[in-house]
Protein backbone atom coordinates (compact mmCIF):
# COMPACT_ATOMS: atom_id res chain seq x y z
CA MET A 1 -99.73 38.19 205.84
CA LEU A 2 -102.08 36.89 208.89
CA GLU A 3 -105.12 36.75 206.58
CA ASN A 4 -103.79 34.31 204.15
CA MET A 5 -102.54 31.75 206.61
CA LYS A 6 -104.94 28.76 207.51
CA LEU A 7 -106.87 28.96 210.71
CA LYS A 8 -104.82 25.74 211.71
CA ASN A 9 -101.61 27.85 210.94
CA ARG A 10 -102.92 30.99 213.11
CA ILE A 11 -103.81 28.80 215.90
CA LEU A 12 -100.59 27.06 216.29
CA LEU A 13 -98.62 30.47 215.48
CA GLY A 14 -100.99 31.86 218.29
CA TYR A 15 -100.27 29.02 220.90
CA SER A 16 -96.72 28.80 219.70
CA ILE A 17 -95.84 32.42 221.30
CA PRO A 18 -96.59 31.76 225.13
CA ILE A 19 -95.18 28.09 224.36
CA ALA A 20 -92.08 29.57 223.41
CA ILE A 21 -92.16 31.83 226.20
CA SER A 22 -92.93 29.49 228.63
CA SER A 23 -90.21 27.19 227.17
CA LEU A 24 -87.60 30.17 227.72
CA VAL A 25 -88.57 30.92 231.15
CA THR A 26 -88.56 27.24 232.04
CA GLY A 27 -85.11 26.93 230.75
CA ILE A 28 -83.98 29.96 232.75
CA ILE A 29 -85.96 28.12 235.73
CA ILE A 30 -83.88 24.99 235.29
CA TRP A 31 -80.95 26.88 234.88
CA ASN A 32 -81.51 28.75 238.02
CA VAL A 33 -82.35 25.14 239.87
CA ASN A 34 -78.93 23.88 238.61
CA ALA A 35 -77.03 26.53 240.09
CA ALA A 36 -79.12 26.25 243.28
CA GLN A 37 -78.87 22.57 243.42
CA LYS A 38 -75.06 23.01 243.08
CA GLN A 39 -75.02 25.70 245.93
CA PHE A 40 -77.07 23.47 247.91
CA LYS A 41 -74.05 21.14 247.59
CA GLU A 42 -71.60 23.63 248.31
CA VAL A 43 -73.26 24.38 251.42
CA GLU A 44 -73.21 21.10 252.18
CA LYS A 45 -69.91 20.45 251.90
CA LEU A 46 -69.02 23.58 253.46
CA THR A 47 -71.01 22.62 256.26
CA LYS A 48 -69.26 18.98 256.74
CA ILE A 49 -66.13 20.52 256.52
CA GLU A 50 -67.11 22.84 259.86
CA VAL A 51 -68.45 20.09 261.41
CA LYS A 52 -65.42 17.57 260.60
CA THR A 53 -62.99 20.68 261.77
CA GLN A 54 -64.95 20.84 264.86
CA GLU A 55 -64.48 17.01 265.82
CA THR A 56 -60.86 17.14 264.66
CA ALA A 57 -60.40 19.99 267.26
CA TYR A 58 -62.00 18.00 269.69
CA HIS A 59 -60.05 14.75 268.73
CA LEU A 60 -56.60 16.68 269.47
CA SER A 61 -58.14 18.01 272.74
CA GLN A 62 -58.80 14.26 273.77
CA ILE A 63 -54.96 13.37 272.59
CA GLU A 64 -53.90 15.86 274.83
CA LYS A 65 -55.82 14.92 277.64
CA THR A 66 -55.47 11.17 277.65
CA SER A 67 -51.42 11.66 277.17
CA LEU A 68 -51.72 13.79 280.59
CA ASP A 69 -53.93 11.13 282.18
CA TYR A 70 -51.48 8.51 280.94
CA VAL A 71 -48.34 10.46 282.53
CA ILE A 72 -49.91 11.21 285.67
CA VAL A 73 -51.38 8.01 286.51
CA LYS A 74 -50.62 5.38 283.71
CA ASN A 75 -54.09 4.12 282.97
CA ALA A 76 -54.56 1.59 280.28
CA ALA A 77 -57.73 2.71 279.60
CA ALA A 78 -56.15 6.39 278.69
CA LYS A 79 -53.56 4.65 276.40
CA ASP A 80 -56.29 3.02 274.33
CA LYS A 81 -58.42 6.01 274.14
CA TYR A 82 -55.44 7.78 273.12
CA ASP A 83 -54.74 5.44 270.18
CA LYS A 84 -58.34 5.60 269.06
CA MET A 85 -58.30 9.54 269.00
CA VAL A 86 -54.76 9.46 266.97
CA GLU A 87 -56.49 7.36 264.26
CA LYS A 88 -59.40 9.51 263.99
CA PHE A 89 -57.40 12.51 263.89
CA ASN A 90 -55.42 11.31 260.82
CA THR A 91 -58.48 10.02 258.96
CA GLU A 92 -60.42 13.07 259.58
CA ILE A 93 -57.51 15.68 258.58
CA THR A 94 -57.00 13.58 255.33
CA GLU A 95 -61.03 13.68 254.57
CA LEU A 96 -60.75 17.32 255.50
CA GLU A 97 -57.53 17.93 253.02
CA GLU A 98 -59.91 16.13 250.10
CA LEU A 99 -63.03 17.96 250.64
CA VAL A 100 -61.18 21.62 250.65
CA SER A 101 -60.81 23.05 247.32
CA ASP A 102 -59.79 26.67 248.28
CA ALA A 103 -56.29 27.18 248.07
CA GLU A 104 -55.98 29.21 251.45
CA GLN A 105 -57.87 26.59 253.26
CA LYS A 106 -55.83 23.76 251.86
CA ASP A 107 -52.60 25.64 253.23
CA LEU A 108 -54.11 26.21 256.27
CA PHE A 109 -55.54 22.42 256.90
CA LEU A 110 -51.72 21.09 255.64
CA GLN A 111 -50.52 23.38 258.56
CA ILE A 112 -53.10 22.16 261.25
CA ASP A 113 -51.99 18.27 260.25
CA ASP A 114 -48.11 19.04 260.76
CA GLN A 115 -48.67 20.93 263.72
CA GLY A 116 -51.29 18.00 264.86
CA ASN A 117 -48.53 15.68 264.06
CA LYS A 118 -45.98 17.76 266.44
CA VAL A 119 -48.31 17.34 269.23
CA ILE A 120 -48.81 13.43 268.54
CA ASP A 121 -44.95 12.88 268.61
CA TYR A 122 -44.69 14.86 271.66
CA THR A 123 -47.35 13.24 273.34
CA THR A 124 -46.40 9.87 272.19
CA ASN A 125 -42.72 10.47 273.51
CA LEU A 126 -44.25 11.35 277.29
CA MET A 127 -45.94 8.09 277.04
CA ASN A 128 -43.02 5.97 276.30
CA LEU A 129 -41.26 7.74 279.03
CA VAL A 130 -43.92 6.49 281.28
CA ASP A 131 -43.80 2.99 279.76
CA ARG A 132 -39.92 3.00 280.46
CA GLY A 133 -40.35 3.84 284.10
CA GLN A 134 -39.13 7.39 283.51
CA ALA A 135 -42.69 8.96 284.53
CA ASP A 136 -40.62 11.92 286.69
CA GLN A 137 -38.86 12.63 283.39
CA ALA A 138 -42.31 12.78 281.63
CA GLN A 139 -43.79 14.96 284.06
CA GLU A 140 -40.75 17.48 284.04
CA ILE A 141 -41.03 17.48 280.24
CA TRP A 142 -44.93 18.54 280.24
CA ASN A 143 -43.95 21.11 283.15
CA ARG A 144 -41.76 22.90 280.80
CA GLY A 145 -44.89 23.91 278.52
CA GLU A 146 -43.79 23.10 275.20
CA GLY A 147 -46.87 21.10 274.61
CA ARG A 148 -49.07 23.78 275.93
CA THR A 149 -47.64 26.21 273.48
CA MET A 150 -48.14 23.55 270.23
CA GLU A 151 -51.91 23.27 271.66
CA ALA A 152 -52.05 26.81 271.55
CA GLU A 153 -50.99 27.15 268.04
CA LEU A 154 -52.93 24.40 267.03
CA GLU A 155 -56.09 25.66 268.29
CA LYS A 156 -55.37 29.12 266.95
CA LEU A 157 -55.13 27.30 263.23
CA LEU A 158 -58.05 25.59 264.12
CA GLU A 159 -60.03 28.82 264.99
CA GLU A 160 -58.64 30.31 262.04
CA ALA A 161 -59.94 27.36 259.75
CA THR A 162 -63.24 27.35 261.58
CA ALA A 163 -63.78 31.04 260.94
CA ILE A 164 -63.03 30.86 257.11
CA GLU A 165 -65.55 28.12 257.18
CA ILE A 166 -68.07 29.98 258.60
CA GLU A 167 -67.60 33.00 256.43
CA LEU A 168 -67.76 30.68 253.25
CA LEU A 169 -70.94 29.10 254.54
CA LYS A 170 -72.65 32.39 254.92
CA GLU A 171 -71.74 33.49 251.58
CA SER A 172 -72.63 30.29 250.17
CA GLU A 173 -76.38 30.74 251.91
CA GLU A 174 -76.49 33.83 250.62
CA LYS A 175 -76.13 33.16 247.07
CA GLU A 176 -78.91 30.42 247.56
CA LYS A 177 -81.30 32.90 249.02
CA GLN A 178 -80.58 34.87 245.89
CA ILE A 179 -81.05 32.09 243.21
CA LEU A 180 -84.56 31.21 245.45
CA THR A 181 -85.45 34.43 245.24
CA THR A 182 -84.61 34.59 241.54
CA LEU A 183 -86.40 31.31 240.64
CA PHE A 184 -89.53 32.81 242.56
CA TRP A 185 -89.95 35.51 240.68
CA LEU A 186 -88.88 34.06 237.23
CA SER A 187 -92.10 31.75 237.73
CA LEU A 188 -94.42 34.40 238.72
CA PHE A 189 -93.43 36.58 235.72
CA GLY A 190 -93.44 33.84 233.44
CA SER A 191 -96.95 32.62 234.09
CA LEU A 192 -98.64 35.98 234.14
CA LEU A 193 -96.73 36.86 230.89
CA ALA A 194 -97.82 33.26 229.27
CA SER A 195 -101.40 33.72 230.51
CA GLY A 196 -101.82 37.39 229.32
CA ILE A 197 -100.47 36.33 225.53
CA SER A 198 -102.44 33.43 225.69
CA VAL A 199 -105.61 35.45 226.44
CA ALA A 200 -104.96 38.00 223.86
CA ILE A 201 -104.17 35.46 221.12
CA ALA A 202 -107.50 33.68 222.05
CA PHE A 203 -109.61 37.04 221.49
CA PHE A 204 -108.10 37.84 218.48
CA LEU A 205 -108.35 34.24 216.85
CA ALA A 206 -112.18 34.15 217.87
CA ASP A 207 -112.56 37.59 216.10
CA THR A 208 -110.96 36.42 212.80
CA ILE A 209 -113.01 33.22 212.79
CA THR A 210 -116.18 34.88 213.46
CA LYS A 211 -115.81 37.25 210.76
CA THR A 212 -114.94 34.68 208.11
CA ILE A 213 -117.75 32.38 209.17
CA ASP A 214 -120.30 35.37 208.91
CA GLN A 215 -119.18 36.13 205.36
CA SER A 216 -119.39 32.52 204.08
CA ILE A 217 -122.76 31.83 205.59
CA THR A 218 -124.23 34.84 203.61
CA LYS A 219 -122.85 33.66 200.27
CA LEU A 220 -124.12 29.98 201.09
CA THR A 221 -127.63 31.57 201.68
CA THR A 222 -128.03 33.59 198.26
CA SER A 223 -126.55 30.43 196.52
CA SER A 224 -129.39 28.23 198.21
CA ALA A 225 -132.03 30.64 196.96
CA GLN A 226 -130.77 30.21 193.29
CA ILE A 227 -131.08 26.59 193.59
CA ALA A 228 -134.52 26.57 194.89
CA THR A 229 -135.57 28.64 191.74
CA THR A 230 -133.98 26.11 189.15
CA THR A 231 -135.24 23.18 191.26
CA ALA A 232 -138.73 24.69 190.05
CA GLN A 233 -138.01 24.86 186.59
CA GLN A 234 -136.43 21.18 186.58
CA GLU A 235 -139.64 19.79 188.44
CA ARG A 236 -141.70 21.21 185.08
CA SER A 237 -139.13 19.56 182.66
CA MET A 238 -139.61 16.16 184.73
CA THR A 239 -143.31 16.31 184.18
CA GLU A 240 -143.39 16.44 180.43
CA GLN A 241 -140.64 13.62 180.52
CA ALA A 242 -143.14 11.43 182.38
CA THR A 243 -145.83 11.92 179.48
CA SER A 244 -142.91 10.92 177.12
CA VAL A 245 -141.88 7.97 179.35
CA ASN A 246 -145.56 6.38 179.12
CA GLU A 247 -145.80 6.59 175.45
CA THR A 248 -142.55 4.67 175.55
CA THR A 249 -143.97 2.30 177.69
CA THR A 250 -146.84 1.20 175.33
CA THR A 251 -144.13 0.84 172.71
CA ILE A 252 -141.86 -1.45 174.56
CA GLU A 253 -145.05 -3.72 175.20
CA GLU A 254 -145.86 -4.28 171.46
CA LEU A 255 -141.97 -4.96 171.26
CA GLY A 256 -142.21 -7.56 174.10
CA ALA A 257 -144.99 -8.92 172.20
CA THR A 258 -142.89 -9.35 169.01
CA SER A 259 -140.15 -10.64 171.03
CA ARG A 260 -142.40 -13.43 172.41
CA GLN A 261 -143.06 -14.70 168.83
CA THR A 262 -139.22 -14.21 167.92
CA ALA A 263 -138.62 -16.53 171.06
CA GLU A 264 -141.25 -19.08 169.63
CA GLN A 265 -139.36 -19.30 166.15
CA ALA A 266 -136.27 -19.35 167.99
CA MET A 267 -137.42 -22.66 169.90
CA SER A 268 -138.33 -24.11 166.79
CA SER A 269 -135.01 -23.59 165.20
CA THR A 270 -133.39 -25.11 168.52
CA ASN A 271 -135.58 -28.25 167.85
CA GLY A 272 -134.48 -28.20 164.41
CA ALA A 273 -130.74 -28.04 165.60
CA GLN A 274 -131.43 -30.77 168.08
CA GLN A 275 -132.36 -33.39 165.09
CA ALA A 276 -129.17 -32.25 163.42
CA ILE A 277 -127.24 -33.00 166.62
CA ASP A 278 -128.87 -36.64 166.79
CA LEU A 279 -128.43 -37.22 163.01
CA THR A 280 -124.77 -36.11 163.59
CA GLU A 281 -124.29 -38.72 166.41
CA LYS A 282 -125.56 -41.59 163.97
CA GLY A 283 -123.23 -40.18 161.16
CA ASN A 284 -120.44 -40.39 163.75
CA GLN A 285 -121.65 -44.06 164.59
CA ALA A 286 -121.19 -45.08 161.15
CA VAL A 287 -117.90 -43.55 161.02
CA SER A 288 -116.67 -45.45 163.93
CA GLN A 289 -118.15 -48.85 162.39
CA THR A 290 -116.40 -48.12 159.30
CA MET A 291 -112.91 -47.48 160.94
CA SER A 292 -113.55 -50.85 162.71
CA GLY A 293 -113.94 -52.59 159.36
CA ILE A 294 -110.85 -50.82 158.03
CA ASN A 295 -109.32 -52.23 160.98
CA GLU A 296 -110.32 -55.38 160.18
CA LEU A 297 -109.29 -55.30 157.01
CA GLN A 298 -106.06 -54.16 158.02
CA ASP A 299 -105.56 -57.56 160.27
CA GLN A 300 -106.42 -59.88 157.08
CA VAL A 301 -103.85 -57.73 155.15
CA SER A 302 -101.31 -58.49 157.82
CA ALA A 303 -102.45 -62.47 157.38
CA ILE A 304 -102.06 -62.51 153.83
CA ALA A 305 -98.62 -60.94 154.44
CA ASP A 306 -97.94 -63.84 156.72
CA GLN A 307 -98.78 -66.13 154.52
CA ILE A 308 -96.97 -65.01 151.65
CA MET A 309 -93.56 -65.19 154.02
CA ARG A 310 -94.12 -68.63 154.98
CA LEU A 311 -94.71 -69.26 151.14
CA SER A 312 -91.27 -67.93 150.56
CA GLU A 313 -89.59 -69.89 153.48
CA GLN A 314 -91.11 -72.97 151.83
CA THR A 315 -89.96 -71.95 148.30
CA GLY A 316 -86.26 -71.71 149.66
CA GLN A 317 -86.35 -75.29 151.29
CA ILE A 318 -87.67 -76.37 147.66
CA GLY A 319 -84.42 -74.82 146.03
CA MET A 320 -82.45 -76.70 148.55
CA VAL A 321 -84.06 -79.89 148.03
CA SER A 322 -83.45 -79.38 144.01
CA ASP A 323 -79.84 -78.89 144.92
CA LEU A 324 -79.84 -81.98 146.59
CA VAL A 325 -81.24 -83.88 143.69
CA ALA A 326 -78.88 -82.23 141.13
CA ASP A 327 -76.03 -83.67 143.32
CA VAL A 328 -77.23 -86.98 143.30
CA SER A 329 -78.01 -87.16 139.77
CA ASN A 330 -74.19 -86.34 139.42
CA GLN A 331 -73.03 -88.75 141.70
CA THR A 332 -75.21 -91.44 139.90
CA ASN A 333 -74.01 -90.45 136.36
CA MET A 334 -70.28 -91.03 138.01
CA LEU A 335 -70.82 -94.45 139.62
CA ALA A 336 -72.58 -95.77 136.46
CA LEU A 337 -69.27 -94.55 134.86
CA ASN A 338 -67.38 -96.20 136.71
CA ALA A 339 -69.54 -99.39 136.56
CA ALA A 340 -68.90 -99.62 133.02
CA VAL A 341 -65.20 -99.23 133.09
CA GLU A 342 -65.06 -101.92 136.02
CA ALA A 343 -67.22 -104.25 133.94
CA ALA A 344 -64.85 -103.98 131.04
CA ARG A 345 -61.69 -104.49 132.88
CA ALA A 346 -62.83 -106.95 135.89
CA GLY A 347 -64.67 -109.73 133.54
CA GLU A 348 -65.02 -112.52 136.39
CA GLN A 349 -64.22 -110.62 139.04
CA GLY A 350 -67.02 -107.97 138.72
CA LYS A 351 -68.20 -109.14 142.01
CA GLY A 352 -67.36 -105.52 142.88
CA PHE A 353 -69.87 -104.02 140.81
CA THR A 354 -72.36 -105.22 143.07
CA VAL A 355 -71.03 -102.97 145.48
CA VAL A 356 -71.28 -100.19 142.99
CA ALA A 357 -74.66 -100.96 142.01
CA GLY A 358 -75.81 -101.18 145.77
CA GLU A 359 -74.52 -97.66 146.04
CA ILE A 360 -76.44 -96.66 143.13
CA ARG A 361 -79.38 -97.83 144.37
CA LYS A 362 -79.22 -95.97 147.55
CA LEU A 363 -78.69 -92.71 145.67
CA ALA A 364 -81.86 -93.76 143.60
CA ASP A 365 -83.74 -94.16 146.85
CA GLN A 366 -82.28 -90.71 147.94
CA SER A 367 -83.72 -89.35 144.77
CA LYS A 368 -86.67 -90.85 145.28
CA LYS A 369 -87.29 -89.72 148.91
CA SER A 370 -86.40 -86.22 147.57
CA ALA A 371 -88.85 -86.12 144.81
CA GLU A 372 -91.26 -87.27 147.44
CA LYS A 373 -90.38 -84.30 149.63
CA ILE A 374 -90.19 -81.87 146.84
CA ASN A 375 -93.76 -82.93 146.16
CA THR A 376 -94.94 -82.69 150.14
CA LEU A 377 -93.69 -78.96 149.93
CA VAL A 378 -95.36 -78.25 146.40
CA GLY A 379 -98.73 -79.66 148.48
CA ASP A 380 -97.47 -77.41 151.49
CA ILE A 381 -97.15 -74.59 148.88
CA GLN A 382 -100.67 -75.00 147.27
CA ALA A 383 -102.26 -74.97 150.49
CA SER A 384 -100.74 -71.84 151.61
CA ILE A 385 -101.85 -70.22 148.19
CA ASN A 386 -105.28 -71.37 148.81
CA SER A 387 -105.29 -69.94 152.39
CA THR A 388 -104.16 -66.73 150.47
CA VAL A 389 -106.92 -66.61 148.33
CA MET A 390 -109.30 -67.16 151.25
CA VAL A 391 -107.92 -64.71 153.17
CA THR A 392 -107.79 -62.25 149.85
CA ASP A 393 -111.62 -63.06 149.49
CA GLN A 394 -112.38 -62.36 153.25
CA GLY A 395 -110.89 -58.85 152.82
CA GLN A 396 -113.00 -58.46 149.81
CA LYS A 397 -115.88 -58.94 151.65
CA THR A 398 -115.00 -56.69 154.44
CA ALA A 399 -114.28 -54.11 152.02
CA ILE A 400 -117.48 -54.53 150.61
CA GLN A 401 -118.93 -54.41 154.02
CA GLY A 402 -116.95 -50.69 154.42
CA LEU A 403 -118.51 -49.65 151.35
CA LYS A 404 -122.01 -50.18 152.93
CA LEU A 405 -121.37 -48.49 155.73
CA ALA A 406 -119.94 -45.55 153.86
CA GLU A 407 -123.31 -45.30 152.26
CA GLU A 408 -125.14 -44.99 155.60
CA THR A 409 -122.56 -42.34 156.41
CA SER A 410 -123.52 -40.64 153.34
CA TYR A 411 -127.24 -41.04 153.93
CA SER A 412 -126.91 -39.72 157.44
CA PHE A 413 -125.10 -36.61 156.66
CA ASN A 414 -128.00 -36.12 153.68
CA SER A 415 -130.24 -36.14 156.53
CA ILE A 416 -128.29 -33.76 158.48
CA ALA A 417 -128.34 -31.45 155.35
CA GLU A 418 -132.16 -31.40 155.37
CA SER A 419 -132.16 -30.58 158.76
CA VAL A 420 -129.93 -27.53 158.43
CA ASN A 421 -132.25 -26.50 155.67
CA ASN A 422 -135.16 -26.63 157.98
CA VAL A 423 -132.95 -24.53 160.37
CA PHE A 424 -132.12 -21.34 157.73
CA LEU A 425 -136.20 -21.44 156.83
CA ASN A 426 -136.66 -21.00 160.25
CA SER A 427 -133.80 -18.41 160.18
CA GLN A 428 -135.83 -16.68 157.81
CA GLN A 429 -138.99 -16.33 159.60
CA ILE A 430 -136.85 -14.96 162.71
CA THR A 431 -135.70 -12.45 160.02
CA MET A 432 -139.26 -11.34 159.44
CA SER A 433 -139.83 -10.81 163.06
CA ALA A 434 -136.69 -9.09 163.55
CA LYS A 435 -138.31 -6.40 160.97
CA GLN A 436 -141.38 -5.84 162.85
CA GLN A 437 -138.87 -5.17 166.07
CA ALA A 438 -137.29 -2.62 164.07
CA VAL A 439 -140.26 -0.52 163.14
CA ALA A 440 -140.89 -1.13 166.99
CA VAL A 441 -137.55 0.35 168.19
CA GLN A 442 -138.27 3.40 165.22
CA GLN A 443 -141.32 4.27 167.63
CA VAL A 444 -139.14 3.66 170.71
CA VAL A 445 -136.82 6.25 169.21
CA SER A 446 -139.67 8.69 168.66
CA ALA A 447 -140.49 8.72 171.94
CA MET A 448 -137.05 8.84 173.34
CA ASN A 449 -136.92 12.30 171.06
CA ALA A 450 -139.41 13.50 173.24
CA ILE A 451 -137.61 12.45 176.15
CA ASN A 452 -134.73 14.19 174.65
CA LEU A 453 -136.04 17.33 174.72
CA GLY A 454 -137.08 17.39 177.94
CA ALA A 455 -133.32 16.41 178.86
CA GLN A 456 -132.39 19.36 177.31
CA GLU A 457 -134.29 21.55 179.35
CA THR A 458 -133.16 19.48 182.21
CA VAL A 459 -129.59 20.11 181.11
CA SER A 460 -130.48 23.87 181.08
CA GLY A 461 -131.30 24.18 184.78
CA ILE A 462 -128.29 21.83 185.53
CA SER A 463 -126.38 24.60 184.38
CA GLN A 464 -127.80 27.25 186.28
CA ILE A 465 -127.20 24.19 189.37
CA LYS A 466 -123.76 24.25 187.90
CA ALA A 467 -123.20 28.14 188.37
CA ALA A 468 -124.51 28.34 192.06
CA THR A 469 -122.60 24.95 192.84
CA GLY A 470 -119.79 26.75 191.62
CA ASP A 471 -120.63 29.87 194.07
CA LEU A 472 -120.90 27.17 196.78
CA ASN A 473 -117.71 25.37 196.15
CA LYS A 474 -115.48 28.87 196.33
CA THR A 475 -117.17 29.45 199.58
CA ALA A 476 -116.18 26.12 200.27
CA GLU A 477 -112.59 26.19 199.29
CA THR A 478 -112.56 29.68 201.36
CA LEU A 479 -113.74 27.79 204.43
CA LYS A 480 -111.63 25.16 203.73
CA ALA A 481 -108.45 27.30 202.87
CA THR A 482 -109.43 28.88 206.65
CA VAL A 483 -109.51 26.09 208.48
């Protein structure tokens, strides 16, 4: 299983073992260090409890002493000191009760607290008697020995608490020593074990890698010899190919000469095409002029349409005047009839016919004017017709000019056709040159056949190279799989 693993995985596996051992040892050491820290804190707490117990005993003794001094001499400084000692006792006994975790110790310190309060009550009572002027009674109570009895009990409790603390402190210090000793031996054993395993794995990996590389180098040497032999064969084939390439070069030079001739013919074709382009431009100009003529003819036709519209309007006015003349004629007839009737009836009194006759004359005048107006309109119509004829004549001339332009266009395109014919002739010459090039290309093909034979020999040699390269690839894959 180990032989099929990659070198990278072997190395990782080899170094993971001492790392795992080191991690395990480190974990055990960390666990012991945490235990040691807890033990250090326990020792520190027990030491603090012991110190505070001694301070409590001292403060209780000072409470008794200062109270006795006050009873004897009633010293104010002793009273102040007494109050401070009482305050410190209460503070320290509270802290001790909070620090202690052992049930037996808690019970013991509760007894000390109770007994200390009794002592404080007792001494406070004595000091109050002194303050009330009963110093003698206070001394008498002190002399009975009750205070000393309470002090003895309190001292006994304090000594018992101190003894317990000392015992617990010794046990904690012993545990601390054991933990430190364990840490020392674990560190030493873990370092030696990890170092030994690392050295063994290093020797094993070095031996494995050396064997694999030696085998790969042997295979590479054999393959290199085969490649050298094949290369010599390829060198001979390449010499023969060089001769064929020289022949190919000569043929290509001939092909180059023919190509130059083809290029000259192509240049001639280009010139003919340029002439065709120039003539085409002339044809385009002629077409443009034709279009201009057509546009002008369109304008003339529009003018004719305008003149016809005017003629239509004037004809309408003639109709209106004709109607007016008809009305006047009718009225004239009626007046004439009336005049005849009146003349028959009036006799001498026919003077009224003068008025009628005047009216008839007026109507006659209007008829004359209307006739004159009709004549004028007719003259205008004639003038319009004449203008129409002139415009039509001008349009005809324009059409003739457009025809001439069309003829010029036809001539231009005929010239273009002639130029295109010249291009066709040049193209035939180019075709003949291309045939010559085909013969030259055939010679190139023959030379390339010779090159092909050499290429086949080269392919054979390449096959041998491929086989040798396959061995090299397998060796490389072996190295790759190992690495």
